N, C-alpha and C. Protein backbone atom coordinates (compact mmCIF):
# COMPACT_ATOMS: atom_id res chain seq x y z
N MET A 1 0.65 -1.25 0.14
CA MET A 1 -0.16 -0.20 0.04
C MET A 1 0.77 1.39 0.15
N LEU A 2 1.71 1.38 1.05
CA LEU A 2 2.85 2.55 0.82
C LEU A 2 3.65 3.00 -0.12
N PHE A 3 3.86 1.36 -0.83
CA PHE A 3 4.23 1.63 -2.76
C PHE A 3 3.51 2.23 -3.55
N VAL A 4 2.50 1.52 -3.61
CA VAL A 4 1.21 2.86 -4.39
C VAL A 4 0.97 3.90 -4.03
N ARG A 5 0.83 4.17 -3.00
CA ARG A 5 0.82 5.47 -2.51
C ARG A 5 2.01 6.39 -2.66
N ALA A 6 3.06 6.21 -3.01
CA ALA A 6 4.63 6.92 -3.61
C ALA A 6 4.38 6.66 -5.15
N ARG A 7 3.88 5.65 -5.41
CA ARG A 7 4.10 5.98 -6.86
C ARG A 7 3.33 6.64 -7.17
N MET A 8 1.77 7.11 -6.62
CA MET A 8 0.72 8.00 -7.18
C MET A 8 1.73 9.40 -6.13
N LEU A 9 1.93 9.51 -5.96
CA LEU A 9 2.62 11.03 -5.42
C LEU A 9 3.27 11.02 -6.74
N ALA A 10 4.43 9.83 -7.08
CA ALA A 10 5.42 10.77 -7.88
C ALA A 10 4.83 10.74 -9.17
N LEU A 11 3.62 10.51 -9.29
CA LEU A 11 2.98 10.68 -11.04
C LEU A 11 2.11 12.07 -10.94
N THR A 12 1.58 12.73 -9.57
CA THR A 12 0.84 13.45 -9.37
C THR A 12 1.86 14.62 -9.72
N ALA A 13 3.10 14.25 -8.85
CA ALA A 13 4.12 15.03 -8.95
C ALA A 13 4.90 15.46 -10.73
N ILE A 14 4.66 14.60 -11.31
CA ILE A 14 5.00 14.85 -12.67
C ILE A 14 4.13 16.04 -13.61
N LEU A 15 3.07 15.35 -13.48
CA LEU A 15 1.75 15.77 -14.24
C LEU A 15 2.03 17.34 -13.80
N ALA A 16 1.67 17.96 -12.26
CA ALA A 16 2.16 18.96 -12.14
C ALA A 16 3.30 19.67 -12.82
N LEU A 17 4.49 19.43 -12.62
CA LEU A 17 5.56 19.56 -13.50
C LEU A 17 5.33 20.14 -14.68
N TRP A 18 4.70 19.13 -15.45
CA TRP A 18 4.40 19.16 -16.88
C TRP A 18 3.65 20.10 -17.33
N CYS A 19 2.22 20.48 -16.11
CA CYS A 19 1.37 21.37 -16.57
C CYS A 19 1.97 22.98 -16.14
N GLY A 20 2.85 23.06 -15.12
CA GLY A 20 4.01 24.16 -15.08
C GLY A 20 4.61 24.71 -16.38
N LEU A 21 5.50 23.52 -16.77
CA LEU A 21 6.37 24.08 -17.63
C LEU A 21 5.43 24.32 -18.95
N SER A 22 4.73 23.57 -19.25
CA SER A 22 3.56 24.42 -20.19
C SER A 22 3.37 25.20 -20.21
N ALA A 23 2.68 25.87 -19.25
CA ALA A 23 2.26 26.63 -18.97
C ALA A 23 3.32 28.12 -19.05
N ALA A 24 4.60 28.20 -18.75
CA ALA A 24 5.45 29.05 -18.71
C ALA A 24 6.30 28.88 -20.11
N SER A 25 6.19 27.74 -20.64
CA SER A 25 6.22 27.83 -22.15
C SER A 25 5.67 28.50 -23.02
N ALA A 26 4.55 28.27 -22.73
CA ALA A 26 3.46 29.17 -23.57
C ALA A 26 3.39 30.56 -22.95
N LEU A 27 3.30 31.03 -22.29
CA LEU A 27 3.46 32.23 -22.00
C LEU A 27 4.25 32.98 -22.61
N ALA A 28 5.62 32.42 -23.18
CA ALA A 28 6.72 33.29 -24.09
C ALA A 28 5.80 33.48 -25.42
N ASP A 29 4.88 32.87 -25.87
CA ASP A 29 4.66 32.79 -27.31
C ASP A 29 3.45 33.90 -27.52
N GLY A 30 3.35 34.27 -29.01
CA GLY A 30 2.07 34.75 -29.36
C GLY A 30 0.69 34.44 -29.09
N ASP A 31 0.37 33.07 -29.56
CA ASP A 31 -0.31 32.43 -29.30
C ASP A 31 -0.23 31.19 -28.87
N PRO A 32 -0.44 30.98 -27.17
CA PRO A 32 -0.03 29.72 -26.71
C PRO A 32 -0.40 28.51 -27.50
N ALA A 33 -1.78 28.56 -27.41
CA ALA A 33 -2.50 27.00 -27.84
C ALA A 33 -1.91 26.45 -29.18
N SER A 34 -1.34 27.60 -29.90
CA SER A 34 -0.68 26.77 -31.32
C SER A 34 0.53 26.41 -30.90
N ASP A 35 1.31 26.58 -30.13
CA ASP A 35 2.86 25.74 -29.88
C ASP A 35 2.31 24.58 -29.40
N VAL A 36 1.07 24.52 -28.54
CA VAL A 36 1.00 23.24 -27.47
C VAL A 36 0.52 21.91 -28.70
N LEU A 37 -0.73 22.68 -29.00
CA LEU A 37 -1.16 21.90 -29.68
C LEU A 37 -0.55 21.48 -31.25
N ALA A 38 0.46 22.01 -31.94
CA ALA A 38 1.29 21.70 -32.96
C ALA A 38 1.19 19.92 -32.33
N THR A 39 1.94 19.94 -31.14
CA THR A 39 2.51 18.88 -31.36
C THR A 39 1.74 18.02 -30.63
N GLN A 40 0.67 17.97 -29.92
CA GLN A 40 -0.23 17.64 -28.19
C GLN A 40 -1.81 17.82 -29.05
N SER A 41 -2.63 17.07 -27.91
CA SER A 41 -3.89 17.32 -27.82
C SER A 41 -4.61 17.50 -27.52
N LEU A 42 -4.02 18.54 -26.04
CA LEU A 42 -4.68 18.87 -25.67
C LEU A 42 -3.99 20.56 -24.37
N PHE A 43 -4.50 21.76 -24.49
CA PHE A 43 -3.82 22.73 -24.01
C PHE A 43 -4.64 22.86 -23.11
N LEU A 44 -4.02 22.77 -21.99
CA LEU A 44 -4.80 23.64 -20.29
C LEU A 44 -3.82 24.17 -19.90
N PRO A 45 -4.06 25.68 -19.24
CA PRO A 45 -3.43 26.11 -19.39
C PRO A 45 -3.62 26.27 -17.92
N GLN A 46 -2.62 27.04 -16.99
CA GLN A 46 -3.07 26.79 -14.71
C GLN A 46 -4.03 27.15 -14.61
N ASP A 47 -4.60 28.22 -15.04
CA ASP A 47 -5.53 29.23 -14.65
C ASP A 47 -6.88 28.46 -15.30
N ALA A 48 -7.11 27.13 -15.31
CA ALA A 48 -8.29 26.43 -15.97
C ALA A 48 -8.81 25.78 -14.53
N ASN A 49 -7.99 25.96 -14.08
CA ASN A 49 -8.66 25.52 -12.62
C ASN A 49 -9.58 24.02 -12.40
N VAL A 50 -8.21 23.14 -13.27
CA VAL A 50 -9.01 21.97 -13.76
C VAL A 50 -7.27 20.77 -13.17
N SER A 51 -8.14 20.44 -11.40
CA SER A 51 -7.14 19.18 -10.87
C SER A 51 -6.21 18.76 -11.57
N VAL A 52 -4.96 18.20 -11.22
CA VAL A 52 -4.25 17.32 -11.26
C VAL A 52 -4.94 15.34 -11.91
N ARG A 53 -5.83 15.36 -11.29
CA ARG A 53 -6.63 14.24 -11.77
C ARG A 53 -7.40 14.56 -12.89
N GLN A 54 -7.75 15.74 -12.72
CA GLN A 54 -8.85 15.89 -13.98
C GLN A 54 -8.06 16.37 -15.04
N GLN A 55 -6.96 16.48 -15.04
CA GLN A 55 -6.08 16.59 -16.37
C GLN A 55 -6.06 14.99 -17.00
N ALA A 56 -5.88 14.63 -15.94
CA ALA A 56 -5.28 12.93 -16.47
C ALA A 56 -6.48 12.43 -17.35
N GLN A 57 -7.63 12.10 -16.56
CA GLN A 57 -8.41 12.10 -16.92
C GLN A 57 -9.17 12.40 -18.19
N LEU A 58 -8.79 13.64 -18.68
CA LEU A 58 -9.22 14.18 -19.77
C LEU A 58 -8.37 14.20 -20.61
N GLY A 59 -7.01 13.88 -20.32
CA GLY A 59 -6.27 13.41 -21.67
C GLY A 59 -6.50 12.18 -21.60
N ALA A 60 -6.39 11.50 -21.00
CA ALA A 60 -6.90 9.64 -20.72
C ALA A 60 -8.35 9.85 -21.69
N LEU A 61 -9.30 10.24 -21.85
CA LEU A 61 -10.55 10.33 -22.71
C LEU A 61 -9.91 11.06 -24.07
N VAL A 62 -9.52 12.14 -24.53
CA VAL A 62 -8.82 12.56 -26.27
C VAL A 62 -7.77 11.21 -26.55
N ASP A 63 -6.72 10.42 -25.38
CA ASP A 63 -6.60 9.15 -26.10
C ASP A 63 -7.64 7.98 -26.35
N THR A 64 -8.55 8.38 -26.12
CA THR A 64 -9.18 7.23 -26.29
C THR A 64 -10.12 7.74 -26.99
N ALA A 65 -10.54 8.55 -27.42
CA ALA A 65 -11.22 9.17 -28.63
C ALA A 65 -10.39 9.12 -30.29
N ALA A 66 -8.92 9.66 -29.72
CA ALA A 66 -8.21 8.93 -30.86
C ALA A 66 -8.12 7.25 -31.67
N ARG A 67 -8.16 6.59 -30.30
CA ARG A 67 -7.60 4.86 -30.26
C ARG A 67 -9.38 4.28 -31.27
N SER A 68 -9.98 5.46 -30.85
CA SER A 68 -11.56 4.74 -31.52
C SER A 68 -12.32 5.85 -32.90
N GLY A 69 -10.68 6.85 -33.45
CA GLY A 69 -11.27 7.00 -34.57
C GLY A 69 -11.67 7.89 -34.92
N TYR A 70 -11.52 8.84 -33.61
CA TYR A 70 -11.92 10.19 -33.58
C TYR A 70 -10.85 11.11 -33.27
N PRO A 71 -10.09 11.39 -34.09
CA PRO A 71 -8.89 12.18 -33.41
C PRO A 71 -9.31 13.87 -33.18
N ILE A 72 -8.90 14.41 -32.15
CA ILE A 72 -9.33 15.66 -31.61
C ILE A 72 -8.41 16.70 -30.72
N ARG A 73 -8.37 17.68 -31.14
CA ARG A 73 -7.39 18.74 -30.20
C ARG A 73 -8.34 19.28 -28.95
N VAL A 74 -7.69 19.98 -28.49
CA VAL A 74 -9.00 20.53 -27.64
C VAL A 74 -8.15 21.74 -26.94
N ALA A 75 -8.45 22.43 -26.59
CA ALA A 75 -8.09 23.77 -25.95
C ALA A 75 -9.06 24.67 -25.26
N LEU A 76 -8.95 24.35 -23.75
CA LEU A 76 -9.53 24.96 -22.99
C LEU A 76 -8.66 26.39 -22.51
N ILE A 77 -9.80 27.41 -22.60
CA ILE A 77 -8.89 29.27 -22.23
C ILE A 77 -10.22 29.74 -21.32
N SER A 78 -9.31 30.26 -20.34
CA SER A 78 -10.29 30.57 -19.34
C SER A 78 -9.55 31.57 -18.65
N SER A 79 -9.05 32.68 -19.67
CA SER A 79 -8.76 33.90 -19.88
C SER A 79 -8.48 34.58 -21.15
N ALA A 80 -8.46 35.89 -21.05
CA ALA A 80 -7.63 36.89 -22.08
C ALA A 80 -6.32 36.51 -22.17
N ALA A 81 -5.59 36.02 -20.96
CA ALA A 81 -4.14 35.86 -20.86
C ALA A 81 -3.88 34.49 -21.54
N ASP A 82 -4.55 33.67 -21.59
CA ASP A 82 -4.46 32.33 -22.52
C ASP A 82 -4.23 32.13 -23.99
N LEU A 83 -4.56 33.34 -24.46
CA LEU A 83 -4.71 34.10 -25.96
C LEU A 83 -3.24 34.35 -26.32
N GLY A 84 -2.70 34.75 -25.18
CA GLY A 84 -1.07 35.45 -25.66
C GLY A 84 -1.58 37.00 -26.66
N SER A 85 -0.92 36.79 -27.73
CA SER A 85 -1.28 38.52 -28.34
C SER A 85 -2.37 38.66 -29.07
N VAL A 86 -3.06 37.83 -29.60
CA VAL A 86 -4.97 37.73 -29.80
C VAL A 86 -5.75 37.85 -28.77
N THR A 87 -6.12 38.87 -27.75
CA THR A 87 -6.87 38.82 -26.86
C THR A 87 -8.03 39.38 -26.85
N GLU A 88 -7.89 40.24 -28.66
CA GLU A 88 -9.23 40.41 -28.69
C GLU A 88 -10.64 39.44 -28.91
N LEU A 89 -9.43 37.77 -29.58
CA LEU A 89 -10.60 37.22 -29.60
C LEU A 89 -11.39 36.70 -28.57
N TRP A 90 -10.79 36.76 -27.28
CA TRP A 90 -11.31 36.49 -25.84
C TRP A 90 -12.93 36.81 -26.08
N ARG A 91 -13.46 35.33 -25.41
CA ARG A 91 -14.47 35.31 -25.48
C ARG A 91 -15.63 35.54 -26.55
N GLN A 92 -14.79 35.25 -28.17
CA GLN A 92 -15.06 34.57 -28.80
C GLN A 92 -15.16 33.48 -29.89
N PRO A 93 -15.45 32.16 -29.31
CA PRO A 93 -14.76 30.92 -29.34
C PRO A 93 -14.42 30.51 -30.13
N GLN A 94 -15.83 30.97 -31.10
CA GLN A 94 -15.56 30.32 -32.34
C GLN A 94 -14.68 30.98 -33.54
N SER A 95 -14.55 32.41 -33.63
CA SER A 95 -13.49 33.28 -33.84
C SER A 95 -12.26 32.84 -33.55
N TYR A 96 -12.06 32.12 -32.60
CA TYR A 96 -10.56 31.83 -31.94
C TYR A 96 -10.26 30.59 -32.21
N ALA A 97 -11.51 29.65 -32.65
CA ALA A 97 -11.55 28.58 -33.39
C ALA A 97 -11.29 28.32 -34.70
N ARG A 98 -11.18 29.36 -35.54
CA ARG A 98 -11.19 29.58 -37.07
C ARG A 98 -9.39 29.47 -37.04
N PHE A 99 -9.49 30.82 -36.32
CA PHE A 99 -7.78 31.31 -35.94
C PHE A 99 -6.99 30.42 -35.61
N LEU A 100 -7.19 29.70 -35.02
CA LEU A 100 -6.27 28.43 -34.35
C LEU A 100 -6.27 27.34 -35.46
N GLY A 101 -7.54 26.99 -35.65
CA GLY A 101 -7.46 25.76 -36.60
C GLY A 101 -6.69 26.32 -38.28
N GLN A 102 -6.79 27.72 -38.59
CA GLN A 102 -5.62 28.24 -39.61
C GLN A 102 -4.39 28.18 -39.33
N GLU A 103 -3.46 28.56 -37.92
CA GLU A 103 -2.55 28.35 -37.74
C GLU A 103 -2.17 26.79 -37.36
N LEU A 104 -2.78 26.09 -37.41
CA LEU A 104 -2.58 24.37 -36.88
C LEU A 104 -2.80 23.93 -38.49
N SER A 105 -3.08 24.56 -39.47
CA SER A 105 -3.34 23.71 -40.76
C SER A 105 -1.81 22.99 -41.04
N LEU A 106 -0.74 23.85 -41.30
CA LEU A 106 0.39 23.15 -41.48
C LEU A 106 0.52 21.35 -41.00
N VAL A 107 0.02 21.80 -39.94
CA VAL A 107 0.37 20.09 -39.43
C VAL A 107 -1.16 19.24 -38.78
N TYR A 108 -2.41 19.85 -38.57
CA TYR A 108 -3.58 19.52 -38.20
C TYR A 108 -4.45 19.55 -39.32
N HIS A 109 -5.11 19.05 -39.33
CA HIS A 109 -6.25 18.94 -40.03
C HIS A 109 -7.72 18.38 -39.37
N GLY A 110 -7.90 17.83 -38.20
CA GLY A 110 -9.06 17.30 -37.70
C GLY A 110 -9.39 18.00 -36.80
N PRO A 111 -10.80 17.86 -35.95
CA PRO A 111 -11.54 17.72 -35.66
C PRO A 111 -10.54 19.22 -34.39
N LEU A 112 -10.94 20.60 -34.08
CA LEU A 112 -10.40 21.01 -33.19
C LEU A 112 -11.55 21.34 -32.11
N LEU A 113 -11.53 21.72 -30.78
CA LEU A 113 -12.75 22.13 -29.73
C LEU A 113 -12.18 23.04 -28.79
N ILE A 114 -12.95 24.16 -28.70
CA ILE A 114 -11.99 25.56 -27.89
C ILE A 114 -13.04 25.78 -26.82
N VAL A 115 -12.87 25.68 -25.80
CA VAL A 115 -13.95 26.07 -24.23
C VAL A 115 -13.39 26.96 -23.80
N MET A 116 -14.44 27.91 -24.20
CA MET A 116 -14.58 29.04 -23.36
C MET A 116 -15.82 29.40 -22.60
N PRO A 117 -15.36 30.22 -21.19
CA PRO A 117 -16.91 30.17 -20.13
C PRO A 117 -17.99 30.80 -20.52
N ASN A 118 -17.87 31.52 -21.68
CA ASN A 118 -19.21 31.45 -22.09
C ASN A 118 -19.33 30.81 -23.98
N GLY A 119 -19.23 29.90 -23.65
CA GLY A 119 -19.40 29.10 -25.31
C GLY A 119 -18.15 28.18 -25.89
N LEU A 120 -18.12 27.82 -27.09
CA LEU A 120 -17.40 26.24 -27.56
C LEU A 120 -17.07 26.76 -29.01
N GLY A 121 -16.14 26.56 -29.48
CA GLY A 121 -15.89 27.01 -30.56
C GLY A 121 -15.40 25.91 -31.32
N LEU A 122 -15.89 25.35 -32.24
CA LEU A 122 -15.49 24.22 -33.33
C LEU A 122 -15.11 24.32 -34.63
N TYR A 123 -14.26 23.78 -35.32
CA TYR A 123 -13.26 23.75 -36.53
C TYR A 123 -12.89 22.50 -36.96
N GLY A 124 -13.05 22.01 -38.29
CA GLY A 124 -12.73 21.31 -38.79
C GLY A 124 -13.64 20.14 -38.66
N LEU A 125 -14.46 19.93 -38.18
CA LEU A 125 -15.44 18.70 -38.09
C LEU A 125 -15.84 18.27 -39.43
N GLY A 126 -16.06 19.09 -40.14
CA GLY A 126 -16.99 18.62 -41.75
C GLY A 126 -18.32 19.11 -41.18
N GLY A 127 -18.84 19.11 -42.34
CA GLY A 127 -20.23 19.95 -42.21
C GLY A 127 -20.55 20.88 -41.84
N SER A 128 -21.58 21.00 -41.39
CA SER A 128 -22.18 22.63 -40.99
C SER A 128 -22.08 22.43 -39.36
N THR A 129 -21.19 23.73 -38.70
CA THR A 129 -20.75 23.75 -37.54
C THR A 129 -21.82 24.20 -36.94
N ASP A 130 -23.22 24.75 -37.46
CA ASP A 130 -24.27 25.26 -36.93
C ASP A 130 -24.90 24.06 -36.55
N ALA A 131 -24.68 22.50 -36.81
CA ALA A 131 -25.58 21.41 -36.49
C ALA A 131 -24.30 20.53 -35.94
N ARG A 132 -22.94 20.71 -36.13
CA ARG A 132 -22.60 20.14 -34.57
C ARG A 132 -23.06 20.75 -33.10
N ARG A 133 -23.30 21.85 -32.92
CA ARG A 133 -23.41 22.72 -32.19
C ARG A 133 -25.06 22.54 -31.91
N ALA A 134 -25.66 22.32 -32.74
CA ALA A 134 -26.91 21.93 -32.20
C ALA A 134 -27.10 20.19 -31.37
N ALA A 135 -26.08 19.42 -32.38
CA ALA A 135 -25.95 18.46 -31.44
C ALA A 135 -25.67 18.40 -30.07
N LEU A 136 -24.37 19.09 -29.70
CA LEU A 136 -24.35 19.71 -28.35
C LEU A 136 -25.21 20.26 -27.49
N GLY A 137 -26.50 20.99 -27.74
CA GLY A 137 -27.27 21.01 -27.19
C GLY A 137 -27.18 22.31 -26.17
N ALA A 138 -27.19 21.90 -24.59
CA ALA A 138 -27.38 22.74 -23.82
C ALA A 138 -25.23 23.19 -23.35
N LEU A 139 -24.78 22.06 -23.60
CA LEU A 139 -23.03 22.54 -23.59
C LEU A 139 -22.66 23.19 -24.46
N ALA A 140 -23.35 23.73 -25.89
CA ALA A 140 -23.05 25.04 -26.11
C ALA A 140 -22.86 26.03 -25.80
N ALA A 141 -23.71 26.18 -24.89
CA ALA A 141 -23.81 27.80 -24.19
C ALA A 141 -22.17 28.23 -23.35
N GLY A 142 -21.66 26.89 -23.04
CA GLY A 142 -20.37 26.76 -21.92
C GLY A 142 -20.52 26.32 -20.86
N PRO A 143 -19.35 26.56 -20.29
CA PRO A 143 -19.59 25.84 -18.71
C PRO A 143 -19.66 27.12 -17.37
N GLY A 144 -19.23 28.30 -18.21
CA GLY A 144 -19.36 29.64 -16.93
C GLY A 144 -17.77 29.33 -16.33
N ARG A 145 -17.70 29.66 -14.97
CA ARG A 145 -16.71 30.08 -14.43
C ARG A 145 -16.57 28.20 -13.87
N ALA A 146 -17.01 27.24 -13.47
CA ALA A 146 -16.80 26.55 -12.70
C ALA A 146 -16.81 25.16 -13.66
N GLY A 147 -16.31 24.30 -13.50
CA GLY A 147 -16.59 22.78 -13.86
C GLY A 147 -16.15 22.11 -15.41
N THR A 148 -14.53 23.45 -15.88
CA THR A 148 -14.53 23.46 -17.36
C THR A 148 -14.03 22.10 -17.74
N GLY A 149 -13.85 21.11 -16.60
CA GLY A 149 -12.61 19.84 -17.35
C GLY A 149 -13.82 19.01 -17.73
N ALA A 150 -14.47 18.93 -16.42
CA ALA A 150 -15.71 17.62 -16.86
C ALA A 150 -16.81 18.17 -17.82
N PHE A 151 -17.50 19.53 -18.08
CA PHE A 151 -17.57 20.29 -19.85
C PHE A 151 -16.87 19.81 -20.54
N ALA A 152 -15.75 19.62 -20.61
CA ALA A 152 -14.82 19.43 -22.22
C ALA A 152 -14.92 18.06 -22.43
N ALA A 153 -14.90 16.91 -21.17
CA ALA A 153 -14.95 15.46 -21.32
C ALA A 153 -16.50 15.38 -22.21
N SER A 154 -17.83 16.07 -21.26
CA SER A 154 -18.70 15.69 -22.13
C SER A 154 -18.84 16.34 -23.71
N ALA A 155 -18.12 17.17 -24.01
CA ALA A 155 -18.23 17.81 -25.37
C ALA A 155 -17.25 17.11 -25.70
N ILE A 156 -16.37 16.80 -26.08
CA ILE A 156 -15.57 15.26 -26.22
C ILE A 156 -16.48 14.39 -26.54
N GLU A 157 -16.92 13.43 -25.65
CA GLU A 157 -17.83 12.34 -25.84
C GLU A 157 -19.20 12.52 -26.35
N ARG A 158 -20.02 13.82 -26.77
CA ARG A 158 -21.11 14.53 -27.70
C ARG A 158 -20.52 14.39 -28.99
N LEU A 159 -19.23 14.77 -28.91
CA LEU A 159 -18.73 15.29 -30.52
C LEU A 159 -18.72 13.36 -31.27
N ALA A 160 -17.61 12.55 -30.53
CA ALA A 160 -17.11 11.69 -30.82
C ALA A 160 -18.77 10.96 -31.12
N ALA A 161 -19.35 10.66 -30.56
CA ALA A 161 -20.50 10.13 -30.96
C ALA A 161 -21.71 10.44 -32.03
N ASP A 162 -21.51 12.05 -31.90
CA ASP A 162 -22.34 12.65 -33.25
C ASP A 162 -21.67 12.26 -34.30
N SER A 163 -20.61 11.97 -34.58
CA SER A 163 -19.34 11.36 -35.28
C SER A 163 -19.33 10.44 -36.15
N GLY A 164 -20.54 9.49 -35.49
CA GLY A 164 -19.74 7.73 -35.53
C GLY A 164 -18.93 6.89 -34.68
N HIS A 165 -18.47 8.21 -34.01
CA HIS A 165 -17.15 7.02 -33.04
C HIS A 165 -17.45 7.06 -31.36
N PRO A 166 -18.76 6.84 -30.94
CA PRO A 166 -19.07 6.39 -29.51
C PRO A 166 -17.42 5.88 -28.56
N LEU A 167 -17.72 6.82 -27.48
CA LEU A 167 -16.86 6.59 -27.06
C LEU A 167 -17.12 5.31 -25.78
N PRO A 168 -16.23 4.42 -25.23
CA PRO A 168 -16.50 3.74 -24.37
C PRO A 168 -17.00 4.55 -22.90
N THR A 169 -17.76 3.91 -22.44
CA THR A 169 -18.22 4.71 -21.01
C THR A 169 -17.39 5.20 -20.05
N PRO A 170 -17.58 5.82 -18.91
CA PRO A 170 -16.44 5.79 -18.24
C PRO A 170 -16.27 4.68 -17.68
N ALA A 171 -17.17 3.86 -16.87
CA ALA A 171 -16.78 2.59 -15.90
C ALA A 171 -15.52 1.81 -16.94
N ALA A 172 -16.07 1.71 -18.37
CA ALA A 172 -15.27 0.99 -18.77
C ALA A 172 -14.02 1.69 -19.49
N ARG A 173 -13.66 2.77 -19.12
CA ARG A 173 -12.65 3.75 -19.33
C ARG A 173 -11.53 3.00 -18.31
N ALA A 174 -12.46 3.34 -16.87
CA ALA A 174 -11.33 3.32 -16.21
C ALA A 174 -11.18 1.94 -15.69
N SER A 175 -11.61 0.36 -16.15
CA SER A 175 -11.31 -0.60 -15.66
C SER A 175 -10.45 -0.79 -16.92
N THR A 176 -10.19 0.00 -17.54
CA THR A 176 -8.64 0.08 -18.87
C THR A 176 -7.51 0.83 -18.57
N ALA A 177 -7.83 1.29 -17.72
CA ALA A 177 -6.55 2.80 -17.17
C ALA A 177 -5.69 1.67 -16.37
N PRO A 178 -4.62 2.62 -16.11
CA PRO A 178 -3.35 1.88 -15.22
C PRO A 178 -4.06 1.69 -13.91
N GLY A 179 -3.48 0.56 -13.06
CA GLY A 179 -4.68 0.16 -11.43
C GLY A 179 -3.37 0.29 -10.62
N SER A 180 -3.61 0.10 -9.40
CA SER A 180 -2.67 -0.08 -8.56
C SER A 180 -1.67 -1.64 -8.73
N GLU A 181 -2.99 -2.32 -9.13
CA GLU A 181 -1.79 -3.32 -9.19
C GLU A 181 -0.94 -3.46 -10.41
N ASP A 182 -1.02 -2.98 -11.01
CA ASP A 182 -0.43 -2.89 -12.67
C ASP A 182 0.86 -2.25 -12.44
N PRO A 183 1.83 -2.41 -11.76
CA PRO A 183 3.17 -1.54 -11.48
C PRO A 183 4.34 -1.23 -13.13
N GLY A 184 3.67 -2.38 -14.09
CA GLY A 184 4.32 -1.77 -15.56
C GLY A 184 3.65 -0.64 -16.22
N ALA A 185 2.31 -0.43 -15.65
CA ALA A 185 1.13 0.60 -16.86
C ALA A 185 1.94 1.77 -15.64
N TRP A 186 2.13 1.61 -14.52
CA TRP A 186 2.20 3.00 -13.88
C TRP A 186 3.65 3.39 -14.74
N ILE A 187 4.40 2.75 -14.65
CA ILE A 187 5.61 3.36 -14.82
C ILE A 187 5.99 3.50 -16.71
N ALA A 188 4.99 2.87 -17.00
CA ALA A 188 4.90 3.45 -19.08
C ALA A 188 4.54 4.59 -18.85
N LEU A 189 3.42 5.21 -18.05
CA LEU A 189 3.01 6.15 -17.34
C LEU A 189 4.03 7.99 -17.35
N ALA A 190 4.86 6.95 -16.25
CA ALA A 190 5.59 8.09 -15.84
C ALA A 190 6.97 8.29 -16.63
N ALA A 191 7.27 7.03 -17.60
CA ALA A 191 8.37 7.24 -18.30
C ALA A 191 7.64 8.50 -19.49
N GLY A 192 6.08 8.30 -19.89
CA GLY A 192 5.71 8.50 -20.77
C GLY A 192 5.55 10.51 -20.75
N ALA A 193 5.56 10.86 -18.82
CA ALA A 193 5.29 11.98 -18.49
C ALA A 193 6.44 12.75 -18.79
N LEU A 194 7.88 11.78 -18.17
CA LEU A 194 8.93 12.53 -18.44
C LEU A 194 9.60 12.69 -19.48
N LEU A 195 8.82 11.80 -21.09
CA LEU A 195 9.61 12.08 -22.01
C LEU A 195 9.13 13.78 -22.68
N ILE A 196 7.59 14.24 -22.30
CA ILE A 196 7.23 15.29 -22.28
C ILE A 196 7.81 16.38 -21.58
N LEU A 197 7.91 16.21 -20.81
CA LEU A 197 8.85 17.32 -19.60
C LEU A 197 9.80 17.35 -20.19
N ALA A 198 11.19 16.44 -20.75
CA ALA A 198 12.33 16.91 -22.06
C ALA A 198 11.74 17.27 -22.83
N ALA A 199 11.08 16.83 -23.43
CA ALA A 199 10.58 17.62 -25.21
C ALA A 199 9.97 19.52 -24.82
N TRP A 200 9.56 20.06 -23.78
CA TRP A 200 9.11 20.98 -23.29
C TRP A 200 10.57 22.33 -23.09
N ALA A 201 11.49 20.94 -22.51
CA ALA A 201 12.77 21.75 -21.75
C ALA A 201 13.51 21.87 -23.48
N ALA A 202 13.53 20.76 -24.23
CA ALA A 202 13.99 21.13 -25.45
C ALA A 202 13.69 22.59 -26.14
N SER A 203 12.39 22.86 -26.14
CA SER A 203 11.64 23.05 -26.65
C SER A 203 12.21 25.04 -26.12
N LEU A 204 11.81 24.94 -24.86
CA LEU A 204 12.72 26.26 -23.81
C LEU A 204 14.23 27.11 -24.63
N ARG A 205 14.84 25.67 -25.20
CA ARG A 205 16.47 26.29 -25.58
C ARG A 205 16.34 26.67 -26.55
N ALA A 206 15.43 25.56 -27.48
CA ALA A 206 15.23 26.33 -29.12
C ALA A 206 14.04 25.68 -29.31
N ARG A 207 13.30 26.92 -29.81
CA ARG A 207 12.17 26.93 -29.92
C ARG A 207 11.54 26.39 -31.36
N PRO A 208 11.02 25.81 -32.45
CA PRO A 208 10.91 25.31 -33.65
C PRO A 208 10.59 26.90 -34.52
N PRO A 209 10.40 27.25 -35.61
CA PRO A 209 9.92 27.92 -36.64
C PRO A 209 8.45 28.22 -36.19
N GLN A 210 7.69 29.69 -36.03
CA GLN A 210 6.46 29.75 -35.64
C GLN A 210 5.46 29.35 -36.59
N LEU A 211 4.37 29.29 -36.63
CA LEU A 211 3.29 28.49 -37.53
C LEU A 211 3.00 29.73 -38.63
N LEU A 212 2.41 29.79 -39.58
CA LEU A 212 2.14 30.69 -40.03
C LEU A 212 0.89 31.60 -39.31
N ARG A 213 0.55 32.55 -39.54
CA ARG A 213 -0.19 33.17 -39.36
C ARG A 213 -1.26 34.01 -40.03
N GLY A 214 -2.27 33.78 -39.95
CA GLY A 214 -3.40 34.80 -40.88
C GLY A 214 -4.63 35.32 -39.68
N SER A 215 -5.41 35.86 -40.25
CA SER A 215 -6.94 36.34 -39.86
C SER A 215 -7.79 35.56 -39.53
N PRO A 216 -8.49 35.59 -38.61
CA PRO A 216 -9.52 34.69 -39.15
C PRO A 216 -10.46 34.80 -40.39
N ARG A 217 -10.86 33.11 -40.86
CA ARG A 217 -12.02 33.69 -42.16
C ARG A 217 -12.97 32.56 -41.41
N THR A 218 -14.09 32.43 -42.53
CA THR A 218 -15.24 31.75 -42.49
C THR A 218 -14.78 30.64 -42.40
N ASP A 219 -15.65 29.16 -42.30
CA ASP A 219 -15.42 28.10 -42.23
C ASP A 219 -15.12 27.82 -44.34
């Protein structure tokens, strides 16, 4: 039991350090989410008020969606500061989704979900954006100031199901997650987190060329 608890504390520390480095690196860029989502599937700034446990669950959900045939990239934007130099798009989730989708178009062409307190932004989902928003129902109104992580998870599940890729139930996902009796899985997860930390450290020393930027345009 003591060994299991020590592993959990170590994993929590690794995830917290990863999030801190991600945010520090993002602040140095004109549009933080573009750098993160160019190579990862989830942008979670520190001010998103999402617990480390929820961060891990949300990351696992995005991975599950990709394995189920529905790769999606997600950005939680909780304040104007998370937008870097494009703060004029604060509280304009759909405009920012178009802007960010165009920035990522050199490296990514799949679905993109933006979560702001006042609503959602969608890009690259195919078909009518209005129809996709209608499929989200009440979720399209946004999470407000609380429950951002759970709200984003619900939106991902709804979008995946609407696209013909229903995700396993939370109970089924939990049954396949690394458990306290599977040290190999925990070691692999910790190793993966360390690789992410190494990549962020390298990016701080020598950042890659910036993605091309353009003004927002309609889908």
